[in-house]
Amino acid sequence: MQQHQDPSADAAIRALRTEFIEVMEAIVEGDLDVAGLRFDRLMERSRLGLDNPGLQFLGTVLAIQRGDAREALHMLGDLDDKACPELRVLCLYSLGDPVWEGMAEALLESPDATVRTAMASMLDRYRAVARLAMGTLPTTAPRTH
């Protein structure tokens, strides 16, 4: 049995979807001020608030791009623990929390190929920098004369 949707409701959903995409485009383009304004407009028009996982995700991505890992992690805290684990790892890494590495290791087994690739890349880069740093550290104390 096919249900008929209200055309005005369909139009409203399409408009919100368009606004969501506009926020993402502004983030990708690096125009975070525009992204923030569009996000605020989307929040106001949708009337869903941050109880909506899609809006929480979008707000989290925006906070990460703004360099506010603490705010991003706070937004993720309101989501199910299984939601966006890769963003949690990024936030914890940005905050210097050593827990990120174990979480990233666990996500190497994720069913999502994009998540596996991102975590492997993040771990590889971190370890390469750590190896480089270890190789450039002096092995003896500098002499003083």
N, C-alpha and C. Protein backbone atom coordinates (compact mmCIF):
# COMPACT_ATOMS: atom_id res chain seq x y z
N MET A 1 0.84 -1.17 0.00
CA MET A 1 0.00 0.00 0.00
C MET A 1 0.89 1.24 0.00
N GLN A 2 0.70 2.09 -0.98
CA GLN A 2 1.52 3.29 -1.12
C GLN A 2 0.85 4.46 -0.43
N GLN A 3 1.62 5.17 0.39
CA GLN A 3 1.10 6.33 1.07
C GLN A 3 1.48 7.57 0.29
N HIS A 4 0.59 8.53 0.25
CA HIS A 4 0.86 9.79 -0.44
C HIS A 4 1.40 10.78 0.58
N GLN A 5 2.49 11.39 0.23
CA GLN A 5 3.13 12.37 1.09
C GLN A 5 2.53 13.75 0.83
N ASP A 6 2.60 14.57 1.82
CA ASP A 6 2.19 15.96 1.70
C ASP A 6 3.24 16.69 0.86
N PRO A 7 2.86 17.31 -0.28
CA PRO A 7 3.84 18.00 -1.13
C PRO A 7 4.61 19.09 -0.38
N SER A 8 3.96 19.77 0.55
CA SER A 8 4.68 20.82 1.29
C SER A 8 5.72 20.20 2.22
N ALA A 9 5.42 19.03 2.79
CA ALA A 9 6.39 18.34 3.64
C ALA A 9 7.57 17.87 2.80
N ASP A 10 7.29 17.35 1.60
CA ASP A 10 8.36 16.92 0.71
C ASP A 10 9.27 18.10 0.34
N ALA A 11 8.67 19.24 0.07
CA ALA A 11 9.44 20.44 -0.29
C ALA A 11 10.31 20.88 0.89
N ALA A 12 9.75 20.81 2.09
CA ALA A 12 10.50 21.20 3.28
C ALA A 12 11.70 20.28 3.50
N ILE A 13 11.49 18.99 3.29
CA ILE A 13 12.58 18.02 3.45
C ILE A 13 13.67 18.27 2.41
N ARG A 14 13.26 18.54 1.17
CA ARG A 14 14.25 18.84 0.12
C ARG A 14 15.03 20.10 0.46
N ALA A 15 14.35 21.12 1.00
CA ALA A 15 15.03 22.37 1.36
C ALA A 15 16.05 22.13 2.47
N LEU A 16 15.70 21.33 3.47
CA LEU A 16 16.63 21.03 4.55
C LEU A 16 17.82 20.22 4.05
N ARG A 17 17.56 19.28 3.16
CA ARG A 17 18.62 18.49 2.56
C ARG A 17 19.59 19.40 1.80
N THR A 18 19.03 20.36 1.06
CA THR A 18 19.86 21.30 0.31
C THR A 18 20.71 22.13 1.27
N GLU A 19 20.11 22.60 2.35
CA GLU A 19 20.86 23.40 3.33
C GLU A 19 21.97 22.57 3.98
N PHE A 20 21.70 21.30 4.26
CA PHE A 20 22.70 20.41 4.83
C PHE A 20 23.90 20.32 3.87
N ILE A 21 23.60 20.12 2.60
CA ILE A 21 24.65 20.02 1.57
C ILE A 21 25.42 21.33 1.47
N GLU A 22 24.72 22.46 1.56
CA GLU A 22 25.39 23.76 1.50
C GLU A 22 26.38 23.94 2.65
N VAL A 23 26.02 23.46 3.83
CA VAL A 23 26.94 23.54 4.98
C VAL A 23 28.18 22.71 4.68
N MET A 24 27.98 21.48 4.21
CA MET A 24 29.11 20.61 3.89
C MET A 24 30.00 21.22 2.81
N GLU A 25 29.39 21.80 1.79
CA GLU A 25 30.18 22.42 0.72
C GLU A 25 31.02 23.57 1.27
N ALA A 26 30.44 24.38 2.14
CA ALA A 26 31.20 25.50 2.71
C ALA A 26 32.35 24.97 3.58
N ILE A 27 32.14 23.87 4.28
CA ILE A 27 33.22 23.27 5.08
C ILE A 27 34.33 22.79 4.16
N VAL A 28 33.96 22.08 3.11
CA VAL A 28 34.94 21.55 2.16
C VAL A 28 35.73 22.68 1.51
N GLU A 29 35.05 23.78 1.20
CA GLU A 29 35.71 24.93 0.58
C GLU A 29 36.56 25.72 1.58
N GLY A 30 36.44 25.38 2.85
CA GLY A 30 37.22 26.07 3.88
C GLY A 30 36.63 27.38 4.33
N ASP A 31 35.43 27.66 3.93
CA ASP A 31 34.76 28.90 4.34
C ASP A 31 33.95 28.62 5.60
N LEU A 32 34.65 28.57 6.72
CA LEU A 32 34.02 28.15 7.97
C LEU A 32 33.05 29.17 8.53
N ASP A 33 33.25 30.45 8.22
CA ASP A 33 32.29 31.46 8.66
C ASP A 33 30.95 31.24 7.97
N VAL A 34 30.99 31.03 6.66
CA VAL A 34 29.75 30.76 5.91
C VAL A 34 29.13 29.45 6.38
N ALA A 35 29.99 28.43 6.60
CA ALA A 35 29.48 27.14 7.08
C ALA A 35 28.77 27.31 8.41
N GLY A 36 29.36 28.10 9.30
CA GLY A 36 28.74 28.33 10.60
C GLY A 36 27.40 29.04 10.49
N LEU A 37 27.33 30.05 9.63
CA LEU A 37 26.07 30.76 9.43
C LEU A 37 25.01 29.84 8.84
N ARG A 38 25.41 29.04 7.86
CA ARG A 38 24.46 28.11 7.24
C ARG A 38 24.02 27.03 8.23
N PHE A 39 24.96 26.58 9.06
CA PHE A 39 24.61 25.58 10.07
C PHE A 39 23.59 26.16 11.05
N ASP A 40 23.84 27.38 11.51
CA ASP A 40 22.89 28.02 12.43
C ASP A 40 21.51 28.16 11.79
N ARG A 41 21.49 28.55 10.51
CA ARG A 41 20.21 28.68 9.79
C ARG A 41 19.52 27.32 9.68
N LEU A 42 20.30 26.29 9.38
CA LEU A 42 19.75 24.94 9.29
C LEU A 42 19.17 24.50 10.62
N MET A 43 19.87 24.77 11.70
CA MET A 43 19.38 24.41 13.04
C MET A 43 18.06 25.12 13.33
N GLU A 44 18.00 26.39 12.98
CA GLU A 44 16.81 27.18 13.24
C GLU A 44 15.62 26.67 12.41
N ARG A 45 15.85 26.42 11.14
CA ARG A 45 14.76 26.01 10.25
C ARG A 45 14.32 24.58 10.48
N SER A 46 15.23 23.72 10.85
CA SER A 46 14.87 22.32 11.00
C SER A 46 14.09 22.07 12.28
N ARG A 47 14.34 22.88 13.28
CA ARG A 47 13.72 22.73 14.59
C ARG A 47 14.02 21.37 15.23
N LEU A 48 15.04 20.69 14.72
CA LEU A 48 15.41 19.40 15.27
C LEU A 48 16.40 19.53 16.41
N GLY A 49 17.24 20.54 16.33
CA GLY A 49 18.25 20.72 17.35
C GLY A 49 19.32 19.64 17.28
N LEU A 50 20.19 19.67 18.26
CA LEU A 50 21.29 18.72 18.26
C LEU A 50 20.88 17.34 18.76
N ASP A 51 19.57 17.12 18.93
CA ASP A 51 19.10 15.77 19.23
C ASP A 51 19.13 14.91 17.98
N ASN A 52 19.22 15.55 16.83
CA ASN A 52 19.24 14.84 15.55
C ASN A 52 20.68 14.40 15.25
N PRO A 53 20.92 13.09 15.05
CA PRO A 53 22.28 12.61 14.80
C PRO A 53 22.93 13.25 13.57
N GLY A 54 22.17 13.52 12.53
CA GLY A 54 22.73 14.15 11.34
C GLY A 54 23.25 15.55 11.64
N LEU A 55 22.50 16.29 12.42
CA LEU A 55 22.94 17.64 12.78
C LEU A 55 24.09 17.60 13.78
N GLN A 56 24.09 16.62 14.67
CA GLN A 56 25.22 16.47 15.58
C GLN A 56 26.49 16.16 14.79
N PHE A 57 26.37 15.28 13.81
CA PHE A 57 27.52 14.94 12.98
C PHE A 57 28.03 16.19 12.27
N LEU A 58 27.12 16.94 11.67
CA LEU A 58 27.51 18.14 10.93
C LEU A 58 28.15 19.16 11.87
N GLY A 59 27.58 19.35 13.04
CA GLY A 59 28.15 20.27 14.02
C GLY A 59 29.52 19.82 14.49
N THR A 60 29.69 18.51 14.61
CA THR A 60 30.98 17.95 15.02
C THR A 60 32.05 18.21 13.96
N VAL A 61 31.71 17.96 12.70
CA VAL A 61 32.65 18.20 11.61
C VAL A 61 33.03 19.67 11.56
N LEU A 62 32.06 20.54 11.73
CA LEU A 62 32.33 21.98 11.71
C LEU A 62 33.26 22.36 12.87
N ALA A 63 33.01 21.83 14.05
CA ALA A 63 33.87 22.13 15.20
C ALA A 63 35.29 21.63 14.97
N ILE A 64 35.43 20.44 14.38
CA ILE A 64 36.77 19.91 14.08
C ILE A 64 37.48 20.83 13.10
N GLN A 65 36.79 21.24 12.05
CA GLN A 65 37.41 22.11 11.06
C GLN A 65 37.79 23.46 11.66
N ARG A 66 37.07 23.91 12.64
CA ARG A 66 37.40 25.17 13.32
C ARG A 66 38.55 24.99 14.31
N GLY A 67 38.98 23.74 14.50
CA GLY A 67 40.06 23.47 15.44
C GLY A 67 39.60 23.35 16.87
N ASP A 68 38.31 23.16 17.08
CA ASP A 68 37.76 23.06 18.42
C ASP A 68 37.41 21.60 18.73
N ALA A 69 38.46 20.80 18.95
CA ALA A 69 38.27 19.37 19.19
C ALA A 69 37.47 19.11 20.46
N ARG A 70 37.63 19.96 21.46
CA ARG A 70 36.89 19.76 22.72
C ARG A 70 35.38 19.90 22.48
N GLU A 71 34.98 20.91 21.73
CA GLU A 71 33.56 21.09 21.41
C GLU A 71 33.05 19.93 20.54
N ALA A 72 33.87 19.51 19.59
CA ALA A 72 33.49 18.39 18.73
C ALA A 72 33.27 17.13 19.56
N LEU A 73 34.18 16.86 20.48
CA LEU A 73 34.06 15.68 21.32
C LEU A 73 32.83 15.79 22.22
N HIS A 74 32.55 16.99 22.69
CA HIS A 74 31.34 17.21 23.49
C HIS A 74 30.09 16.86 22.68
N MET A 75 30.04 17.31 21.43
CA MET A 75 28.90 17.01 20.57
C MET A 75 28.79 15.51 20.32
N LEU A 76 29.91 14.86 20.13
CA LEU A 76 29.90 13.41 19.92
C LEU A 76 29.45 12.67 21.17
N GLY A 77 29.70 13.26 22.32
CA GLY A 77 29.30 12.63 23.58
C GLY A 77 27.80 12.42 23.69
N ASP A 78 27.05 13.20 22.95
CA ASP A 78 25.60 13.07 22.98
C ASP A 78 25.08 11.98 22.05
N LEU A 79 25.96 11.48 21.19
CA LEU A 79 25.57 10.43 20.26
C LEU A 79 25.81 9.05 20.88
N ASP A 80 25.23 8.05 20.28
CA ASP A 80 25.48 6.67 20.65
C ASP A 80 26.98 6.42 20.58
N ASP A 81 27.52 5.63 21.50
CA ASP A 81 28.96 5.37 21.54
C ASP A 81 29.50 4.78 20.24
N LYS A 82 28.64 4.12 19.49
CA LYS A 82 29.07 3.48 18.24
C LYS A 82 29.01 4.44 17.05
N ALA A 83 28.44 5.61 17.26
CA ALA A 83 28.29 6.58 16.17
C ALA A 83 29.60 7.34 15.97
N CYS A 84 30.04 7.44 14.74
CA CYS A 84 31.20 8.25 14.35
C CYS A 84 32.46 7.97 15.16
N PRO A 85 32.86 6.71 15.33
CA PRO A 85 34.06 6.46 16.14
C PRO A 85 35.31 7.08 15.55
N GLU A 86 35.35 7.23 14.22
CA GLU A 86 36.52 7.83 13.59
C GLU A 86 36.65 9.30 13.96
N LEU A 87 35.52 9.98 14.15
CA LEU A 87 35.58 11.39 14.57
C LEU A 87 36.03 11.49 16.02
N ARG A 88 35.61 10.52 16.84
CA ARG A 88 36.07 10.50 18.23
C ARG A 88 37.59 10.35 18.28
N VAL A 89 38.12 9.46 17.44
CA VAL A 89 39.57 9.26 17.39
C VAL A 89 40.27 10.57 17.01
N LEU A 90 39.77 11.23 16.00
CA LEU A 90 40.36 12.49 15.56
C LEU A 90 40.35 13.53 16.67
N CYS A 91 39.24 13.63 17.37
CA CYS A 91 39.14 14.59 18.48
C CYS A 91 40.13 14.25 19.59
N LEU A 92 40.19 12.98 19.98
CA LEU A 92 41.10 12.57 21.05
C LEU A 92 42.55 12.80 20.65
N TYR A 93 42.87 12.52 19.39
CA TYR A 93 44.23 12.78 18.89
C TYR A 93 44.54 14.27 19.00
N SER A 94 43.61 15.11 18.55
CA SER A 94 43.81 16.56 18.58
C SER A 94 43.99 17.08 20.00
N LEU A 95 43.34 16.42 20.95
CA LEU A 95 43.44 16.84 22.35
C LEU A 95 44.65 16.23 23.06
N GLY A 96 45.39 15.37 22.36
CA GLY A 96 46.57 14.74 22.96
C GLY A 96 46.24 13.61 23.90
N ASP A 97 45.05 13.05 23.81
CA ASP A 97 44.65 11.94 24.67
C ASP A 97 45.21 10.64 24.07
N PRO A 98 46.05 9.91 24.82
CA PRO A 98 46.68 8.71 24.27
C PRO A 98 45.70 7.58 23.94
N VAL A 99 44.48 7.67 24.38
CA VAL A 99 43.48 6.65 24.10
C VAL A 99 43.20 6.53 22.60
N TRP A 100 43.45 7.62 21.86
CA TRP A 100 43.13 7.63 20.43
C TRP A 100 43.80 6.50 19.68
N GLU A 101 45.04 6.19 20.05
CA GLU A 101 45.80 5.19 19.29
C GLU A 101 45.16 3.81 19.38
N GLY A 102 44.74 3.41 20.56
CA GLY A 102 44.07 2.11 20.73
C GLY A 102 42.75 2.07 19.99
N MET A 103 42.02 3.19 20.03
CA MET A 103 40.74 3.24 19.31
C MET A 103 40.98 3.15 17.80
N ALA A 104 42.02 3.83 17.32
CA ALA A 104 42.34 3.78 15.89
C ALA A 104 42.74 2.37 15.48
N GLU A 105 43.51 1.70 16.34
CA GLU A 105 43.90 0.31 16.06
C GLU A 105 42.66 -0.57 15.93
N ALA A 106 41.72 -0.40 16.84
CA ALA A 106 40.49 -1.20 16.80
C ALA A 106 39.70 -0.94 15.52
N LEU A 107 39.72 0.30 15.05
CA LEU A 107 38.96 0.66 13.85
C LEU A 107 39.61 0.14 12.57
N LEU A 108 40.81 -0.41 12.67
CA LEU A 108 41.41 -1.05 11.49
C LEU A 108 40.61 -2.27 11.07
N GLU A 109 39.73 -2.74 11.95
CA GLU A 109 38.86 -3.89 11.67
C GLU A 109 37.44 -3.45 11.31
N SER A 110 37.24 -2.17 11.10
CA SER A 110 35.91 -1.64 10.78
C SER A 110 35.39 -2.23 9.46
N PRO A 111 34.08 -2.46 9.38
CA PRO A 111 33.52 -2.92 8.10
C PRO A 111 33.54 -1.82 7.03
N ASP A 112 33.73 -0.58 7.45
CA ASP A 112 33.76 0.56 6.53
C ASP A 112 35.19 0.76 6.01
N ALA A 113 35.37 0.53 4.71
CA ALA A 113 36.70 0.64 4.11
C ALA A 113 37.29 2.04 4.26
N THR A 114 36.46 3.06 4.19
CA THR A 114 36.95 4.44 4.34
C THR A 114 37.51 4.66 5.73
N VAL A 115 36.83 4.14 6.74
CA VAL A 115 37.30 4.27 8.12
C VAL A 115 38.62 3.51 8.29
N ARG A 116 38.69 2.29 7.77
CA ARG A 116 39.94 1.50 7.87
C ARG A 116 41.11 2.25 7.23
N THR A 117 40.87 2.79 6.04
CA THR A 117 41.93 3.52 5.32
C THR A 117 42.35 4.77 6.10
N ALA A 118 41.39 5.52 6.61
CA ALA A 118 41.69 6.74 7.35
C ALA A 118 42.49 6.44 8.62
N MET A 119 42.09 5.40 9.34
CA MET A 119 42.79 5.06 10.58
C MET A 119 44.19 4.55 10.29
N ALA A 120 44.34 3.73 9.24
CA ALA A 120 45.67 3.23 8.88
C ALA A 120 46.58 4.39 8.50
N SER A 121 46.05 5.33 7.74
CA SER A 121 46.84 6.50 7.33
C SER A 121 47.24 7.33 8.54
N MET A 122 46.31 7.55 9.44
CA MET A 122 46.57 8.34 10.63
C MET A 122 47.64 7.68 11.50
N LEU A 123 47.51 6.37 11.71
CA LEU A 123 48.49 5.64 12.51
C LEU A 123 49.86 5.62 11.84
N ASP A 124 49.87 5.40 10.52
CA ASP A 124 51.14 5.37 9.79
C ASP A 124 51.86 6.71 9.90
N ARG A 125 51.14 7.80 9.72
CA ARG A 125 51.77 9.13 9.79
C ARG A 125 52.28 9.41 11.20
N TYR A 126 51.47 9.08 12.19
CA TYR A 126 51.87 9.31 13.58
C TYR A 126 53.15 8.53 13.89
N ARG A 127 53.18 7.27 13.48
CA ARG A 127 54.35 6.42 13.76
C ARG A 127 55.57 6.87 12.98
N ALA A 128 55.38 7.34 11.76
CA ALA A 128 56.50 7.83 10.96
C ALA A 128 57.11 9.07 11.62
N VAL A 129 56.27 9.96 12.09
CA VAL A 129 56.77 11.16 12.77
C VAL A 129 57.47 10.77 14.07
N ALA A 130 56.91 9.80 14.79
CA ALA A 130 57.54 9.36 16.03
C ALA A 130 58.91 8.74 15.75
N ARG A 131 59.02 7.93 14.69
CA ARG A 131 60.31 7.34 14.33
C ARG A 131 61.32 8.42 13.93
N LEU A 132 60.84 9.38 13.18
CA LEU A 132 61.71 10.48 12.75
C LEU A 132 62.20 11.26 13.97
N ALA A 133 61.30 11.54 14.88
CA ALA A 133 61.67 12.28 16.08
C ALA A 133 62.68 11.50 16.91
N MET A 134 62.48 10.19 17.01
CA MET A 134 63.42 9.37 17.77
C MET A 134 64.79 9.34 17.10
N GLY A 135 64.82 9.37 15.79
CA GLY A 135 66.09 9.35 15.06
C GLY A 135 66.83 10.66 15.13
N THR A 136 66.16 11.75 15.40
CA THR A 136 66.82 13.05 15.42
C THR A 136 67.12 13.54 16.82
N LEU A 137 66.67 12.80 17.83
CA LEU A 137 66.97 13.21 19.20
C LEU A 137 68.42 12.88 19.52
N PRO A 138 69.11 13.77 20.22
CA PRO A 138 70.50 13.48 20.58
C PRO A 138 70.56 12.29 21.53
N THR A 139 71.57 11.44 21.34
CA THR A 139 71.71 10.26 22.19
C THR A 139 72.55 10.56 23.43
N THR A 140 73.28 11.65 23.43
CA THR A 140 74.04 12.04 24.59
C THR A 140 73.76 13.51 24.88
N ALA A 141 74.03 13.86 26.09
CA ALA A 141 73.81 15.25 26.48
C ALA A 141 74.81 16.14 25.77
N PRO A 142 74.41 17.32 25.37
CA PRO A 142 75.36 18.23 24.71
C PRO A 142 76.48 18.63 25.67
N ARG A 143 77.66 18.81 25.10
CA ARG A 143 78.82 19.23 25.91
C ARG A 143 78.76 20.71 26.17
N THR A 144 79.18 21.07 27.35
CA THR A 144 79.25 22.49 27.68
C THR A 144 80.70 22.84 27.95
N HIS A 145 81.19 23.90 27.36
CA HIS A 145 82.57 24.36 27.57
C HIS A 145 82.57 25.77 28.05
